[in-house]
Amino acid sequence: MSIPADPQRLATLLGALDDYRQARRALLTALRLPTSNRDPLAELSEHLVQALLGGELAASRVQAHWDLTLPDNARVQIKYLANPDGSWVNEHVVRANPDVAFYALVLFEAFNVTGVLILPTAQLAAVHLELGKRHLRGDAELQLTRRNWQTMLDEPARFRALRVRIWLP
């Protein structure tokens, strides 16, 4: 290979990677993880929900279906949804699993945690109806949009009655 076509750009990219590597190490240290090749938002989301609810994280950080066991042995699936500031370009489908009591979704906007939504999976159909959703399979999944999140924030009592919990930083 010959001399790089854009040595300044190459140096900038490698410098940015070094900054990211140091920041990632600091995050892993805060999470008490010696190493991780997983998505840092996934790792952070699991630890954040565990800090909110208590319980024990799964022994395997990559096992399927659930990530946290609560003190009463209820299992929690933890996911995250990341969007830019101000508007959502991504939405999320919450899928019920019979072995999981709660589905926790950590919401990020511009890499800031804007909230955590904790849905009891047994109440998914009721939440679906309360949001006025019309798609099929409402008993097994919920297509969560920004409008739905805003509705829950604007009218929390309606959803608290369904045992939906919302945490805001």
Protein backbone atom coordinates (compact mmCIF):
# COMPACT_ATOMS: atom_id res chain seq x y z
CA MET A 1 0.00 0.00 0.00
CA SER A 2 1.20 3.50 -0.68
CA ILE A 3 0.96 6.70 1.34
CA PRO A 4 -2.60 7.44 2.54
CA ALA A 5 -4.64 9.61 0.21
CA ASP A 6 -5.76 11.80 3.12
CA PRO A 7 -3.26 11.56 6.01
CA GLN A 8 -4.96 14.32 7.98
CA ARG A 9 -8.31 12.52 7.85
CA LEU A 10 -6.64 9.25 8.81
CA ALA A 11 -5.03 10.91 11.86
CA THR A 12 -8.37 12.48 12.86
CA LEU A 13 -10.16 9.12 12.65
CA LEU A 14 -7.52 7.29 14.68
CA GLY A 15 -7.50 10.11 17.28
CA ALA A 16 -11.30 9.93 17.59
CA LEU A 17 -11.10 6.16 18.04
CA ASP A 18 -8.57 6.65 20.83
CA ASP A 19 -10.92 9.13 22.56
CA TYR A 20 -13.80 6.66 22.20
CA ARG A 21 -11.69 3.78 23.55
CA GLN A 22 -10.83 5.79 26.68
CA ALA A 23 -14.46 6.84 27.21
CA ARG A 24 -15.60 3.24 26.69
CA ARG A 25 -13.09 2.03 29.30
CA ALA A 26 -14.48 4.60 31.76
CA LEU A 27 -18.05 3.41 31.07
CA LEU A 28 -17.10 -0.25 31.52
CA THR A 29 -15.37 0.63 34.78
CA ALA A 30 -18.54 2.36 36.02
CA LEU A 31 -20.54 -0.74 35.01
CA ARG A 32 -18.01 -2.93 36.85
CA LEU A 33 -17.31 -4.87 33.67
CA PRO A 34 -13.71 -5.85 32.95
CA THR A 35 -14.34 -6.16 29.21
CA SER A 36 -17.13 -6.02 26.70
CA ASN A 37 -17.49 -6.11 22.94
CA ARG A 38 -21.24 -5.55 23.21
CA ASP A 39 -23.04 -2.38 22.28
CA PRO A 40 -22.33 0.09 25.11
CA LEU A 41 -25.95 1.33 25.16
CA ALA A 42 -27.17 -2.24 25.68
CA GLU A 43 -24.71 -2.73 28.55
CA LEU A 44 -25.64 0.62 30.13
CA SER A 45 -29.38 -0.05 29.74
CA GLU A 46 -29.19 -3.36 31.59
CA HIS A 47 -27.23 -1.85 34.48
CA LEU A 48 -29.45 1.23 34.61
CA VAL A 49 -32.63 -0.86 34.91
CA GLN A 50 -30.98 -3.07 37.53
CA ALA A 51 -30.09 0.07 39.52
CA LEU A 52 -33.74 1.20 39.27
CA LEU A 53 -35.45 -2.11 40.08
CA GLY A 54 -32.87 -4.07 42.05
CA GLY A 55 -32.47 -7.78 41.48
CA GLU A 56 -29.68 -9.65 39.73
CA LEU A 57 -28.50 -9.38 36.17
CA ALA A 58 -28.36 -12.65 34.23
CA ALA A 59 -25.08 -14.50 34.52
CA SER A 60 -24.70 -14.45 30.74
CA ARG A 61 -24.89 -10.99 29.26
CA VAL A 62 -25.93 -12.41 25.88
CA GLN A 63 -28.62 -14.91 26.85
CA ALA A 64 -31.96 -14.71 25.09
CA HIS A 65 -35.30 -13.40 26.41
CA TRP A 66 -34.47 -11.90 29.82
CA ASP A 67 -31.73 -9.86 31.43
CA LEU A 68 -32.71 -9.32 35.04
CA THR A 69 -34.32 -11.35 37.82
CA LEU A 70 -36.14 -9.28 40.44
CA PRO A 71 -36.15 -10.19 44.15
CA ASP A 72 -39.58 -11.87 43.69
CA ASN A 73 -38.06 -13.99 40.84
CA ALA A 74 -39.93 -12.07 38.12
CA ARG A 75 -37.85 -11.75 34.97
CA VAL A 76 -37.27 -8.55 33.02
CA GLN A 77 -36.30 -8.17 29.35
CA ILE A 78 -34.27 -4.98 28.85
CA LYS A 79 -33.89 -3.18 25.54
CA TYR A 80 -33.16 0.35 24.45
CA LEU A 81 -34.34 2.77 21.79
CA ALA A 82 -31.98 5.47 20.52
CA ASN A 83 -33.05 8.52 18.56
CA PRO A 84 -31.69 11.96 17.71
CA ASP A 85 -32.74 14.99 19.73
CA GLY A 86 -36.20 16.33 19.03
CA SER A 87 -37.57 13.71 16.65
CA TRP A 88 -37.67 9.96 16.47
CA VAL A 89 -36.41 8.20 13.37
CA ASN A 90 -36.55 4.84 15.16
CA GLU A 91 -39.48 3.16 16.86
CA HIS A 92 -39.62 -0.07 18.84
CA VAL A 93 -41.69 -3.24 18.88
CA VAL A 94 -42.23 -4.65 22.35
CA ARG A 95 -42.78 -8.40 22.14
CA ALA A 96 -44.27 -10.40 24.98
CA ASN A 97 -42.55 -13.55 26.16
CA PRO A 98 -44.46 -15.90 28.50
CA ASP A 99 -41.38 -16.37 30.71
CA VAL A 100 -40.88 -12.63 31.19
CA ALA A 101 -42.99 -10.52 33.58
CA PHE A 102 -41.71 -7.09 32.55
CA TYR A 103 -40.28 -5.42 29.49
CA ALA A 104 -38.06 -2.43 30.24
CA LEU A 105 -37.19 0.01 27.48
CA VAL A 106 -34.51 2.64 28.06
CA LEU A 107 -35.05 5.68 25.85
CA PHE A 108 -32.11 7.70 24.57
CA GLU A 109 -32.28 10.96 22.67
CA ALA A 110 -28.99 12.39 21.41
CA PHE A 111 -27.26 9.82 23.68
CA ASN A 112 -29.00 11.19 26.77
CA VAL A 113 -31.28 8.93 28.80
CA THR A 114 -34.71 10.56 28.55
CA GLY A 115 -36.68 7.88 30.35
CA VAL A 116 -37.28 4.25 31.16
CA LEU A 117 -40.58 2.57 30.36
CA ILE A 118 -41.40 -0.61 32.29
CA LEU A 119 -44.32 -2.56 30.90
CA PRO A 120 -45.88 -5.61 32.57
CA THR A 121 -46.07 -8.09 29.68
CA ALA A 122 -49.38 -9.50 30.97
CA GLN A 123 -50.88 -6.03 30.43
CA LEU A 124 -49.62 -5.56 26.88
CA ALA A 125 -53.08 -5.98 25.34
CA ALA A 126 -54.57 -3.44 27.77
CA VAL A 127 -51.79 -0.93 27.04
CA HIS A 128 -52.34 -1.55 23.33
CA LEU A 129 -56.03 -0.70 23.72
CA GLU A 130 -55.38 2.29 25.98
CA LEU A 131 -53.11 3.77 23.31
CA GLY A 132 -55.79 3.28 20.67
CA LYS A 133 -53.65 0.91 18.63
CA ARG A 134 -55.34 -0.96 15.79
CA HIS A 135 -52.75 -3.38 14.48
CA LEU A 136 -53.19 -7.11 14.93
CA ARG A 137 -51.34 -9.09 17.58
CA GLY A 138 -51.91 -6.42 20.24
CA ASP A 139 -51.90 -9.12 22.91
CA ALA A 140 -48.36 -10.16 21.95
CA GLU A 141 -46.70 -6.97 20.77
CA LEU A 142 -46.82 -3.22 21.02
CA GLN A 143 -45.45 -0.95 18.31
CA LEU A 144 -44.14 1.93 20.40
CA THR A 145 -43.91 5.32 18.70
CA ARG A 146 -42.90 8.74 19.95
CA ARG A 147 -46.59 9.70 20.04
CA ASN A 148 -47.28 6.70 22.33
CA TRP A 149 -44.43 7.68 24.66
CA GLN A 150 -45.72 11.25 24.76
CA THR A 151 -49.25 10.03 25.55
CA MET A 152 -47.90 8.03 28.48
CA LEU A 153 -45.97 11.06 29.73
CA ASP A 154 -48.98 13.37 29.33
CA GLU A 155 -51.44 11.01 31.02
CA PRO A 156 -49.44 8.84 33.42
CA ALA A 157 -52.38 7.93 35.67
CA ARG A 158 -54.09 6.08 32.80
CA PHE A 159 -51.06 3.85 32.42
CA ARG A 160 -50.19 3.53 36.12
CA ALA A 161 -53.61 1.87 36.46
CA LEU A 162 -52.22 -0.81 34.09
CA ARG A 163 -49.06 -1.14 36.26
CA VAL A 164 -46.92 0.65 33.65
CA ARG A 165 -44.00 2.42 35.29
CA ILE A 166 -42.15 5.40 33.89
CA TRP A 167 -38.89 6.72 35.24
CA LEU A 168 -37.59 10.12 34.17
CA PRO A 169 -34.08 11.32 34.99
